[in-house]
Amino acid sequence: MNAKVKGYILGGIAATTYGMNPLFTLPLYKEGLDPDSVLFFRYLFAIPILGIMLKARGRNFKLKRKEIPPLIILGWLVAISSLTLFQSYNYMEAGIASTILFVYPILVALIIAVVYKEKVSLQTIFCIFLALSGIGLLYNGADGATLSLIGIGLVIASSLSYAIYIVGVNRPMLKEVATLKITFYILLFGVLLFLIRVDFGQSLQIVDKWYLWGNLIALAVFPTTISFLCTTQAIQYIGSTPTAILGALEPVTAVFFGIIIFGETLTLRLCYGIALIILAVTFIIAGGNITSHLVRFRKLFPRLPLKPIKSK
């Protein structure tokens, strides 16, 4: 098997494992767990896994004093993105939520245009139009039913939080920090948000069935660890842009599991909406100038890693 084929396979695995979020989350909701408890355990279980990976690669855990404040802010941005996404599952079908979330590269392009005073290109405007059209098709169902505005607001907040994180993680003061170390500390600082939200354990909901613990561990392993590792290797084999475009499999996977496992409905109108959003994001990634900004790994929920950063 040549390197290119390996890269595409790994990129596909990275995207599909990230799309498994609803597969392991919705059964926990069905048993009465709230998003805060689910995410607390997810972050908690992922931290030692990434810590072991960090040590296995010969890295240390040391941080410079100036690196701590931005990592705390970035950790909370990712945690807020996770929280709002997982809360949206209570208001809309998980596959639709994952599809709307996928517009975050377009938000990154807009943030870059504002922050760096860049002119918004016609291509970006066209992609925004495509994405909004797709969301409009998702919002107005064929049977006249509409999506929850609260749910849409939560997903957009999740996408925006992650877009801000992507732009913020590229600040010069973090350029010399290894990606894996950044990921570890983002989880570590992010879990503090959920610790506060569960009243330091007083309102934490504990599962009482062994297979539900399996779901919590699977959340830390598949959408986080496996997705992260496969993304890293895929970038090395095929580069950043193809790996990013393969990220379109994430919402497709979420929709697939939603239909097959949870009985979610899929109409022709929804198919058109999903296709328009994926097309818009693909155009932005393949032809835009944002690829240089999407450099840190998205697999913390989410997120599109686009360029491995060499650390000293």
C-alpha atoms as a PDB file:
ATOM      1  CA  MET A   1       0.000   0.000   0.000  1.00  0.00           C
ATOM      2  CA  ASN A   2       1.524   3.315  -1.065  1.00  0.00           C
ATOM      3  CA  ALA A   3       1.708   6.390   1.139  1.00  0.00           C
ATOM      4  CA  LYS A   4      -1.108   8.275  -0.611  1.00  0.00           C
ATOM      5  CA  VAL A   5      -3.607   5.425  -0.214  1.00  0.00           C
ATOM      6  CA  LYS A   6      -2.559   5.084   3.435  1.00  0.00           C
ATOM      7  CA  GLY A   7      -3.127   8.783   3.959  1.00  0.00           C
ATOM      8  CA  TYR A   8      -6.624   8.743   2.485  1.00  0.00           C
ATOM      9  CA  ILE A   9      -7.568   5.700   4.569  1.00  0.00           C
ATOM     10  CA  LEU A  10      -6.246   7.328   7.746  1.00  0.00           C
ATOM     11  CA  GLY A  11      -8.005  10.595   6.889  1.00  0.00           C
ATOM     12  CA  GLY A  12     -11.254   8.719   6.387  1.00  0.00           C
ATOM     13  CA  ILE A  13     -10.840   6.911   9.712  1.00  0.00           C
ATOM     14  CA  ALA A  14     -10.096  10.221  11.480  1.00  0.00           C
ATOM     15  CA  ALA A  15     -13.259  11.841  10.115  1.00  0.00           C
ATOM     16  CA  THR A  16     -15.569   8.881  10.689  1.00  0.00           C
ATOM     17  CA  THR A  17     -14.388   8.277  14.254  1.00  0.00           C
ATOM     18  CA  TYR A  18     -15.006  11.928  15.069  1.00  0.00           C
ATOM     19  CA  GLY A  19     -18.483  11.540  13.610  1.00  0.00           C
ATOM     20  CA  MET A  20     -19.173   8.875  16.255  1.00  0.00           C
ATOM     21  CA  ASN A  21     -19.899  11.540  18.884  1.00  0.00           C
ATOM     22  CA  PRO A  22     -23.698  11.013  18.767  1.00  0.00           C
ATOM     23  CA  LEU A  23     -23.297   7.217  18.677  1.00  0.00           C
ATOM     24  CA  PHE A  24     -21.818   7.171  22.184  1.00  0.00           C
ATOM     25  CA  THR A  25     -23.522  10.279  23.574  1.00  0.00           C
ATOM     26  CA  LEU A  26     -27.220   9.738  22.851  1.00  0.00           C
ATOM     27  CA  PRO A  27     -27.483   6.437  24.820  1.00  0.00           C
ATOM     28  CA  LEU A  28     -26.083   8.299  27.840  1.00  0.00           C
ATOM     29  CA  TYR A  29     -28.726  11.009  27.434  1.00  0.00           C
ATOM     30  CA  LYS A  30     -31.391   8.317  27.221  1.00  0.00           C
ATOM     31  CA  GLU A  31     -30.292   7.060  30.643  1.00  0.00           C
ATOM     32  CA  GLY A  32     -30.703  10.550  32.092  1.00  0.00           C
ATOM     33  CA  LEU A  33     -27.155  11.923  32.039  1.00  0.00           C
ATOM     34  CA  ASP A  34     -26.811  15.626  31.308  1.00  0.00           C
ATOM     35  CA  PRO A  35     -24.238  17.125  28.895  1.00  0.00           C
ATOM     36  CA  ASP A  36     -22.074  18.470  31.756  1.00  0.00           C
ATOM     37  CA  SER A  37     -21.594  15.034  33.308  1.00  0.00           C
ATOM     38  CA  VAL A  38     -20.962  13.360  29.947  1.00  0.00           C
ATOM     39  CA  LEU A  39     -18.356  15.935  28.946  1.00  0.00           C
ATOM     40  CA  PHE A  40     -16.712  15.923  32.386  1.00  0.00           C
ATOM     41  CA  PHE A  41     -16.030  12.182  32.076  1.00  0.00           C
ATOM     42  CA  ARG A  42     -15.056  12.484  28.424  1.00  0.00           C
ATOM     43  CA  TYR A  43     -12.404  15.093  29.151  1.00  0.00           C
ATOM     44  CA  LEU A  44     -11.324  13.332  32.344  1.00  0.00           C
ATOM     45  CA  PHE A  45     -10.746  10.002  30.581  1.00  0.00           C
ATOM     46  CA  ALA A  46      -8.998  11.590  27.582  1.00  0.00           C
ATOM     47  CA  ILE A  47      -6.468  13.536  29.686  1.00  0.00           C
ATOM     48  CA  PRO A  48      -4.394  10.511  30.870  1.00  0.00           C
ATOM     49  CA  ILE A  49      -4.504   8.985  27.376  1.00  0.00           C
ATOM     50  CA  LEU A  50      -2.988  12.129  25.880  1.00  0.00           C
ATOM     51  CA  GLY A  51      -0.585  12.392  28.831  1.00  0.00           C
ATOM     52  CA  ILE A  52       0.723   8.898  28.097  1.00  0.00           C
ATOM     53  CA  MET A  53       1.065   9.813  24.410  1.00  0.00           C
ATOM     54  CA  LEU A  54       2.992  12.932  25.389  1.00  0.00           C
ATOM     55  CA  LYS A  55       5.477  10.988  27.516  1.00  0.00           C
ATOM     56  CA  ALA A  56       5.789   8.228  24.909  1.00  0.00           C
ATOM     57  CA  ARG A  57       6.961  10.830  22.403  1.00  0.00           C
ATOM     58  CA  GLY A  58       9.577  12.091  24.823  1.00  0.00           C
ATOM     59  CA  ARG A  59       7.830  15.402  25.542  1.00  0.00           C
ATOM     60  CA  ASN A  60       7.705  17.128  28.897  1.00  0.00           C
ATOM     61  CA  PHE A  61       4.789  18.892  30.567  1.00  0.00           C
ATOM     62  CA  LYS A  62       6.573  22.172  31.254  1.00  0.00           C
ATOM     63  CA  LEU A  63       4.996  25.450  30.203  1.00  0.00           C
ATOM     64  CA  LYS A  64       6.369  28.967  30.208  1.00  0.00           C
ATOM     65  CA  ARG A  65       4.467  31.414  32.382  1.00  0.00           C
ATOM     66  CA  LYS A  66       3.340  33.459  29.358  1.00  0.00           C
ATOM     67  CA  GLU A  67       1.841  30.336  27.737  1.00  0.00           C
ATOM     68  CA  ILE A  68      -0.556  29.529  30.590  1.00  0.00           C
ATOM     69  CA  PRO A  69      -3.156  32.364  30.220  1.00  0.00           C
ATOM     70  CA  PRO A  70      -3.781  31.781  26.471  1.00  0.00           C
ATOM     71  CA  LEU A  71      -4.044  28.030  27.029  1.00  0.00           C
ATOM     72  CA  ILE A  72      -6.633  28.584  29.770  1.00  0.00           C
ATOM     73  CA  ILE A  73      -8.683  30.780  27.420  1.00  0.00           C
ATOM     74  CA  LEU A  74      -8.344  28.292  24.556  1.00  0.00           C
ATOM     75  CA  GLY A  75      -9.282  25.412  26.845  1.00  0.00           C
ATOM     76  CA  TRP A  76     -12.476  27.181  27.856  1.00  0.00           C
ATOM     77  CA  LEU A  77     -13.293  28.053  24.235  1.00  0.00           C
ATOM     78  CA  VAL A  78     -13.058  24.388  23.255  1.00  0.00           C
ATOM     79  CA  ALA A  79     -15.033  23.353  26.349  1.00  0.00           C
ATOM     80  CA  ILE A  80     -17.784  25.868  25.508  1.00  0.00           C
ATOM     81  CA  SER A  81     -17.820  24.548  21.945  1.00  0.00           C
ATOM     82  CA  SER A  82     -18.210  20.998  23.269  1.00  0.00           C
ATOM     83  CA  LEU A  83     -20.898  21.997  25.761  1.00  0.00           C
ATOM     84  CA  THR A  84     -23.074  23.925  23.305  1.00  0.00           C
ATOM     85  CA  LEU A  85     -22.813  21.141  20.707  1.00  0.00           C
ATOM     86  CA  PHE A  86     -23.763  18.436  23.197  1.00  0.00           C
ATOM     87  CA  GLN A  87     -26.612  20.589  24.530  1.00  0.00           C
ATOM     88  CA  SER A  88     -27.937  21.002  20.981  1.00  0.00           C
ATOM     89  CA  TYR A  89     -28.523  17.235  20.794  1.00  0.00           C
ATOM     90  CA  ASN A  90     -31.438  17.808  23.186  1.00  0.00           C
ATOM     91  CA  TYR A  91     -33.113  20.172  20.692  1.00  0.00           C
ATOM     92  CA  MET A  92     -32.464  18.625  17.273  1.00  0.00           C
ATOM     93  CA  GLU A  93     -31.304  15.446  15.590  1.00  0.00           C
ATOM     94  CA  ALA A  94     -27.606  14.869  16.152  1.00  0.00           C
ATOM     95  CA  GLY A  95     -26.860  14.395  12.447  1.00  0.00           C
ATOM     96  CA  ILE A  96     -28.308  17.806  11.595  1.00  0.00           C
ATOM     97  CA  ALA A  97     -26.444  19.426  14.506  1.00  0.00           C
ATOM     98  CA  SER A  98     -23.152  17.911  13.308  1.00  0.00           C
ATOM     99  CA  THR A  99     -23.811  19.178   9.778  1.00  0.00           C
ATOM    100  CA  ILE A 100     -24.527  22.757  10.876  1.00  0.00           C
ATOM    101  CA  LEU A 101     -21.438  22.642  13.103  1.00  0.00           C
ATOM    102  CA  PHE A 102     -19.367  21.912  10.001  1.00  0.00           C
ATOM    103  CA  VAL A 103     -19.690  25.564   8.844  1.00  0.00           C
ATOM    104  CA  TYR A 104     -16.935  26.632  11.260  1.00  0.00           C
ATOM    105  CA  PRO A 105     -14.246  26.972   8.510  1.00  0.00           C
ATOM    106  CA  ILE A 106     -16.457  29.629   6.909  1.00  0.00           C
ATOM    107  CA  LEU A 107     -16.613  31.452  10.259  1.00  0.00           C
ATOM    108  CA  VAL A 108     -12.828  31.198  10.455  1.00  0.00           C
ATOM    109  CA  ALA A 109     -12.609  32.902   7.044  1.00  0.00           C
ATOM    110  CA  LEU A 110     -14.862  35.727   8.270  1.00  0.00           C
ATOM    111  CA  ILE A 111     -12.909  36.178  11.516  1.00  0.00           C
ATOM    112  CA  ILE A 112      -9.648  36.313   9.560  1.00  0.00           C
ATOM    113  CA  ALA A 113     -11.150  38.933   7.255  1.00  0.00           C
ATOM    114  CA  VAL A 114     -12.137  41.082  10.258  1.00  0.00           C
ATOM    115  CA  VAL A 115      -9.002  40.567  12.367  1.00  0.00           C
ATOM    116  CA  TYR A 116      -6.474  40.888   9.538  1.00  0.00           C
ATOM    117  CA  LYS A 117      -8.484  43.481   7.581  1.00  0.00           C
ATOM    118  CA  GLU A 118      -8.608  41.215   4.553  1.00  0.00           C
ATOM    119  CA  LYS A 119     -11.147  41.817   1.812  1.00  0.00           C
ATOM    120  CA  VAL A 120     -13.863  39.160   1.706  1.00  0.00           C
ATOM    121  CA  SER A 121     -13.545  37.432  -1.657  1.00  0.00           C
ATOM    122  CA  LEU A 122     -16.429  36.634  -3.981  1.00  0.00           C
ATOM    123  CA  GLN A 123     -15.703  32.964  -3.361  1.00  0.00           C
ATOM    124  CA  THR A 124     -16.176  33.404   0.379  1.00  0.00           C
ATOM    125  CA  ILE A 125     -19.436  35.300  -0.181  1.00  0.00           C
ATOM    126  CA  PHE A 126     -20.624  32.534  -2.507  1.00  0.00           C
ATOM    127  CA  CYS A 127     -19.709  29.868   0.072  1.00  0.00           C
ATOM    128  CA  ILE A 128     -21.573  31.769   2.805  1.00  0.00           C
ATOM    129  CA  PHE A 129     -24.611  31.900   0.524  1.00  0.00           C
ATOM    130  CA  LEU A 130     -24.355  28.139  -0.116  1.00  0.00           C
ATOM    131  CA  ALA A 131     -24.011  27.368   3.596  1.00  0.00           C
ATOM    132  CA  LEU A 132     -26.952  29.598   4.577  1.00  0.00           C
ATOM    133  CA  SER A 133     -29.052  28.000   1.845  1.00  0.00           C
ATOM    134  CA  GLY A 134     -28.162  24.572   3.210  1.00  0.00           C
ATOM    135  CA  ILE A 135     -29.057  25.592   6.766  1.00  0.00           C
ATOM    136  CA  GLY A 136     -32.322  27.015   5.431  1.00  0.00           C
ATOM    137  CA  LEU A 137     -33.167  23.663   3.850  1.00  0.00           C
ATOM    138  CA  LEU A 138     -32.360  21.907   7.143  1.00  0.00           C
ATOM    139  CA  TYR A 139     -34.440  24.425   9.085  1.00  0.00           C
ATOM    140  CA  ASN A 140     -37.623  24.051   7.028  1.00  0.00           C
ATOM    141  CA  GLY A 141     -38.547  20.385   6.941  1.00  0.00           C
ATOM    142  CA  ALA A 142     -40.603  18.853   4.162  1.00  0.00           C
ATOM    143  CA  ASP A 143     -43.539  18.251   6.519  1.00  0.00           C
ATOM    144  CA  GLY A 144     -43.703  21.922   7.541  1.00  0.00           C
ATOM    145  CA  ALA A 145     -41.893  21.336  10.849  1.00  0.00           C
ATOM    146  CA  THR A 146     -38.986  23.604  11.687  1.00  0.00           C
ATOM    147  CA  LEU A 147     -35.865  23.128  13.738  1.00  0.00           C
ATOM    148  CA  SER A 148     -35.588  24.532  17.224  1.00  0.00           C
ATOM    149  CA  LEU A 149     -34.151  28.039  17.183  1.00  0.00           C
ATOM    150  CA  ILE A 150     -32.509  27.266  20.527  1.00  0.00           C
ATOM    151  CA  GLY A 151     -30.846  24.222  18.998  1.00  0.00           C
ATOM    152  CA  ILE A 152     -29.612  26.190  15.982  1.00  0.00           C
ATOM    153  CA  GLY A 153     -28.321  28.938  18.264  1.00  0.00           C
ATOM    154  CA  LEU A 154     -26.394  26.399  20.346  1.00  0.00           C
ATOM    155  CA  VAL A 155     -24.773  24.809  17.285  1.00  0.00           C
ATOM    156  CA  ILE A 156     -23.806  28.196  15.820  1.00  0.00           C
ATOM    157  CA  ALA A 157     -22.340  29.157  19.219  1.00  0.00           C
ATOM    158  CA  SER A 158     -20.359  25.901  19.194  1.00  0.00           C
ATOM    159  CA  SER A 159     -19.086  26.546  15.674  1.00  0.00           C
ATOM    160  CA  LEU A 160     -18.194  30.168  16.483  1.00  0.00           C
ATOM    161  CA  SER A 161     -16.364  29.203  19.699  1.00  0.00           C
ATOM    162  CA  TYR A 162     -14.284  26.706  17.798  1.00  0.00           C
ATOM    163  CA  ALA A 163     -13.594  29.158  14.974  1.00  0.00           C
ATOM    164  CA  ILE A 164     -12.286  31.691  17.516  1.00  0.00           C
ATOM    165  CA  TYR A 165     -10.151  28.925  19.036  1.00  0.00           C
ATOM    166  CA  ILE A 166      -8.626  28.082  15.646  1.00  0.00           C
ATOM    167  CA  VAL A 167      -7.638  31.692  15.044  1.00  0.00           C
ATOM    168  CA  GLY A 168      -6.452  32.173  18.640  1.00  0.00           C
ATOM    169  CA  VAL A 169      -4.305  29.044  18.790  1.00  0.00           C
ATOM    170  CA  ASN A 170      -2.077  30.491  16.077  1.00  0.00           C
ATOM    171  CA  ARG A 171      -0.870  33.377  18.232  1.00  0.00           C
ATOM    172  CA  PRO A 172       2.940  33.757  18.171  1.00  0.00           C
ATOM    173  CA  MET A 173       3.351  32.938  21.875  1.00  0.00           C
ATOM    174  CA  LEU A 174       2.141  29.366  21.240  1.00  0.00           C
ATOM    175  CA  LYS A 175       4.028  28.709  18.007  1.00  0.00           C
ATOM    176  CA  GLU A 176       6.823  26.854  19.786  1.00  0.00           C
ATOM    177  CA  VAL A 177       4.512  24.602  21.825  1.00  0.00           C
ATOM    178  CA  ALA A 178       4.008  21.098  20.433  1.00  0.00           C
ATOM    179  CA  THR A 179       0.488  20.395  19.177  1.00  0.00           C
ATOM    180  CA  LEU A 180       0.109  17.355  21.414  1.00  0.00           C
ATOM    181  CA  LYS A 181       1.056  19.395  24.493  1.00  0.00           C
ATOM    182  CA  ILE A 182      -1.454  22.110  23.538  1.00  0.00           C
ATOM    183  CA  THR A 183      -4.134  19.444  23.160  1.00  0.00           C
ATOM    184  CA  PHE A 184      -3.303  17.990  26.578  1.00  0.00           C
ATOM    185  CA  TYR A 185      -3.530  21.349  28.363  1.00  0.00           C
ATOM    186  CA  ILE A 186      -6.675  22.375  26.498  1.00  0.00           C
ATOM    187  CA  LEU A 187      -8.352  19.268  27.870  1.00  0.00           C
ATOM    188  CA  LEU A 188      -6.887  19.863  31.321  1.00  0.00           C
ATOM    189  CA  PHE A 189      -8.054  23.483  31.527  1.00  0.00           C
ATOM    190  CA  GLY A 190     -11.306  22.675  29.723  1.00  0.00           C
ATOM    191  CA  VAL A 191     -12.345  20.051  32.256  1.00  0.00           C
ATOM    192  CA  LEU A 192     -12.292  22.777  34.930  1.00  0.00           C
ATOM    193  CA  LEU A 193     -15.363  24.352  33.296  1.00  0.00           C
ATOM    194  CA  PHE A 194     -17.317  21.129  33.695  1.00  0.00           C
ATOM    195  CA  LEU A 195     -16.001  20.634  37.219  1.00  0.00           C
ATOM    196  CA  ILE A 196     -17.481  24.025  38.110  1.00  0.00           C
ATOM    197  CA  ARG A 197     -20.754  23.270  36.301  1.00  0.00           C
ATOM    198  CA  VAL A 198     -21.232  20.014  38.259  1.00  0.00           C
ATOM    199  CA  ASP A 199     -20.685  21.908  41.529  1.00  0.00           C
ATOM    200  CA  PHE A 200     -17.296  20.269  42.074  1.00  0.00           C
ATOM    201  CA  GLY A 201     -18.887  16.847  41.928  1.00  0.00           C
ATOM    202  CA  GLN A 202     -22.014  17.482  43.998  1.00  0.00           C
ATOM    203  CA  SER A 203     -24.341  17.433  40.985  1.00  0.00           C
ATOM    204  CA  LEU A 204     -22.257  15.028  38.906  1.00  0.00           C
ATOM    205  CA  GLN A 205     -24.371  12.204  37.525  1.00  0.00           C
ATOM    206  CA  ILE A 206     -22.779   8.744  37.739  1.00  0.00           C
ATOM    207  CA  VAL A 207     -23.800   5.910  35.433  1.00  0.00           C
ATOM    208  CA  ASP A 208     -24.863   2.663  37.087  1.00  0.00           C
ATOM    209  CA  LYS A 209     -24.511   0.247  34.165  1.00  0.00           C
ATOM    210  CA  TRP A 210     -21.199  -1.156  32.976  1.00  0.00           C
ATOM    211  CA  TYR A 211     -21.918  -0.635  29.277  1.00  0.00           C
ATOM    212  CA  LEU A 212     -22.568   3.059  29.873  1.00  0.00           C
ATOM    213  CA  TRP A 213     -19.060   3.364  31.287  1.00  0.00           C
ATOM    214  CA  GLY A 214     -18.020   1.812  27.968  1.00  0.00           C
ATOM    215  CA  ASN A 215     -19.761   4.654  26.170  1.00  0.00           C
ATOM    216  CA  LEU A 216     -17.898   7.252  28.231  1.00  0.00           C
ATOM    217  CA  ILE A 217     -14.542   5.556  27.590  1.00  0.00           C
ATOM    218  CA  ALA A 218     -15.392   5.208  23.889  1.00  0.00           C
ATOM    219  CA  LEU A 219     -16.002   8.967  23.694  1.00  0.00           C
ATOM    220  CA  ALA A 220     -12.479   9.562  24.954  1.00  0.00           C
ATOM    221  CA  VAL A 221     -10.935   6.897  22.707  1.00  0.00           C
ATOM    222  CA  PHE A 222     -12.648   7.117  19.299  1.00  0.00           C
ATOM    223  CA  PRO A 223     -13.629  10.771  18.616  1.00  0.00           C
ATOM    224  CA  THR A 224     -10.620  12.048  20.545  1.00  0.00           C
ATOM    225  CA  THR A 225      -7.562   9.793  20.627  1.00  0.00           C
ATOM    226  CA  ILE A 226      -7.962   7.657  17.491  1.00  0.00           C
ATOM    227  CA  SER A 227      -9.247  10.590  15.461  1.00  0.00           C
ATOM    228  CA  PHE A 228      -6.339  12.738  16.655  1.00  0.00           C
ATOM    229  CA  LEU A 229      -3.668  10.140  15.809  1.00  0.00           C
ATOM    230  CA  CYS A 230      -5.124   9.284  12.391  1.00  0.00           C
ATOM    231  CA  THR A 231      -5.424  12.951  11.491  1.00  0.00           C
ATOM    232  CA  THR A 232      -1.787  13.573  12.377  1.00  0.00           C
ATOM    233  CA  GLN A 233      -0.605  10.663  10.242  1.00  0.00           C
ATOM    234  CA  ALA A 234      -2.934  11.495   7.345  1.00  0.00           C
ATOM    235  CA  ILE A 235      -1.483  15.019   7.133  1.00  0.00           C
ATOM    236  CA  GLN A 236       2.007  13.541   6.953  1.00  0.00           C
ATOM    237  CA  TYR A 237       1.019  11.241   4.074  1.00  0.00           C
ATOM    238  CA  ILE A 238      -1.281  13.405   1.910  1.00  0.00           C
ATOM    239  CA  GLY A 239      -1.003  16.946   3.247  1.00  0.00           C
ATOM    240  CA  SER A 240      -3.327  19.391   4.909  1.00  0.00           C
ATOM    241  CA  THR A 241      -5.960  20.232   2.298  1.00  0.00           C
ATOM    242  CA  PRO A 242      -6.997  16.661   1.336  1.00  0.00           C
ATOM    243  CA  THR A 243      -7.153  15.734   5.024  1.00  0.00           C
ATOM    244  CA  ALA A 244      -9.349  18.747   5.725  1.00  0.00           C
ATOM    245  CA  ILE A 245     -11.696  17.950   2.844  1.00  0.00           C
ATOM    246  CA  LEU A 246     -12.035  14.384   4.121  1.00  0.00           C
ATOM    247  CA  GLY A 247     -13.492  16.022   7.243  1.00  0.00           C
ATOM    248  CA  ALA A 248     -16.759  16.126   5.272  1.00  0.00           C
ATOM    249  CA  LEU A 249     -17.178  12.501   6.334  1.00  0.00           C
ATOM    250  CA  GLU A 250     -17.766  13.687   9.919  1.00  0.00           C
ATOM    251  CA  PRO A 251     -21.332  15.009   9.473  1.00  0.00           C
ATOM    252  CA  VAL A 252     -22.053  12.202   7.000  1.00  0.00           C
ATOM    253  CA  THR A 253     -21.062   9.640   9.657  1.00  0.00           C
ATOM    254  CA  ALA A 254     -23.185  11.383  12.288  1.00  0.00           C
ATOM    255  CA  VAL A 255     -26.192  11.396   9.927  1.00  0.00           C
ATOM    256  CA  PHE A 256     -25.613   7.713   9.078  1.00  0.00           C
ATOM    257  CA  PHE A 257     -25.595   6.599  12.721  1.00  0.00           C
ATOM    258  CA  GLY A 258     -28.552   8.861  13.462  1.00  0.00           C
ATOM    259  CA  ILE A 259     -30.629   7.121  10.813  1.00  0.00           C
ATOM    260  CA  ILE A 260     -29.451   3.535  11.346  1.00  0.00           C
ATOM    261  CA  ILE A 261     -29.166   3.457  15.148  1.00  0.00           C
ATOM    262  CA  PHE A 262     -31.478   6.188  16.450  1.00  0.00           C
ATOM    263  CA  GLY A 263     -34.210   6.234  13.807  1.00  0.00           C
ATOM    264  CA  GLU A 264     -33.669   9.832  12.718  1.00  0.00           C
ATOM    265  CA  THR A 265     -35.413  10.807   9.491  1.00  0.00           C
ATOM    266  CA  LEU A 266     -33.673  11.736   6.258  1.00  0.00           C
ATOM    267  CA  THR A 267     -35.627  13.427   3.479  1.00  0.00           C
ATOM    268  CA  LEU A 268     -34.497  14.551   0.042  1.00  0.00           C
ATOM    269  CA  ARG A 269     -34.675  18.149   1.294  1.00  0.00           C
ATOM    270  CA  LEU A 270     -32.278  17.352   4.144  1.00  0.00           C
ATOM    271  CA  CYS A 271     -29.919  15.629   1.694  1.00  0.00           C
ATOM    272  CA  TYR A 272     -29.810  18.798  -0.405  1.00  0.00           C
ATOM    273  CA  GLY A 273     -29.145  20.914   2.689  1.00  0.00           C
ATOM    274  CA  ILE A 274     -26.315  18.679   3.894  1.00  0.00           C
ATOM    275  CA  ALA A 275     -24.802  18.599   0.386  1.00  0.00           C
ATOM    276  CA  LEU A 276     -24.840  22.414   0.104  1.00  0.00           C
ATOM    277  CA  ILE A 277     -23.102  22.873   3.473  1.00  0.00           C
ATOM    278  CA  ILE A 278     -20.423  20.279   2.690  1.00  0.00           C
ATOM    279  CA  LEU A 279     -19.887  21.828  -0.764  1.00  0.00           C
ATOM    280  CA  ALA A 280     -19.526  25.325   0.692  1.00  0.00           C
ATOM    281  CA  VAL A 281     -16.971  24.220   3.289  1.00  0.00           C
ATOM    282  CA  THR A 282     -15.028  22.183   0.709  1.00  0.00           C
ATOM    283  CA  PHE A 283     -14.737  25.252  -1.558  1.00  0.00           C
ATOM    284  CA  ILE A 284     -13.524  27.362   1.369  1.00  0.00           C
ATOM    285  CA  ILE A 285     -10.853  24.830   2.357  1.00  0.00           C
ATOM    286  CA  ALA A 286      -9.685  23.917  -1.143  1.00  0.00           C
ATOM    287  CA  GLY A 287      -9.597  27.403  -2.648  1.00  0.00           C
ATOM    288  CA  GLY A 288      -9.432  29.893   0.184  1.00  0.00           C
ATOM    289  CA  ASN A 289      -6.535  31.373   2.098  1.00  0.00           C
ATOM    290  CA  ILE A 290      -7.601  30.013   5.473  1.00  0.00           C
ATOM    291  CA  THR A 291      -5.667  26.757   5.269  1.00  0.00           C
ATOM    292  CA  SER A 292      -2.606  28.408   6.791  1.00  0.00           C
ATOM    293  CA  HIS A 293      -4.720  29.320   9.823  1.00  0.00           C
ATOM    294  CA  LEU A 294      -6.294  25.904  10.341  1.00  0.00           C
ATOM    295  CA  VAL A 295      -3.094  24.488  11.758  1.00  0.00           C
ATOM    296  CA  ARG A 296      -4.036  22.933  15.054  1.00  0.00           C
ATOM    297  CA  PHE A 297      -5.861  19.702  15.462  1.00  0.00           C
ATOM    298  CA  ARG A 298      -9.624  19.814  15.343  1.00  0.00           C
ATOM    299  CA  LYS A 299     -10.274  16.443  16.893  1.00  0.00           C
ATOM    300  CA  LEU A 300     -11.047  17.836  20.300  1.00  0.00           C
ATOM    301  CA  PHE A 301     -14.624  18.462  19.003  1.00  0.00           C
ATOM    302  CA  PRO A 302     -14.378  19.781  17.141  1.00  0.00           C
ATOM    303  CA  ARG A 303     -12.316  20.468  15.111  1.00  0.00           C
ATOM    304  CA  LEU A 304      -9.854  20.517  11.173  1.00  0.00           C
ATOM    305  CA  PRO A 305      -6.118  20.034  11.606  1.00  0.00           C
ATOM    306  CA  LEU A 306      -4.367  21.338   8.602  1.00  0.00           C
ATOM    307  CA  LYS A 307      -0.643  21.527   9.111  1.00  0.00           C
ATOM    308  CA  PRO A 308       1.586  19.671  11.523  1.00  0.00           C
ATOM    309  CA  ILE A 309       3.669  22.142  13.482  1.00  0.00           C
ATOM    310  CA  LYS A 310       7.243  21.202  14.242  1.00  0.00           C
ATOM    311  CA  SER A 311       8.232  21.782  17.796  1.00  0.00           C
ATOM    312  CA  LYS A 312      11.701  22.178  19.131  1.00  0.00           C
END
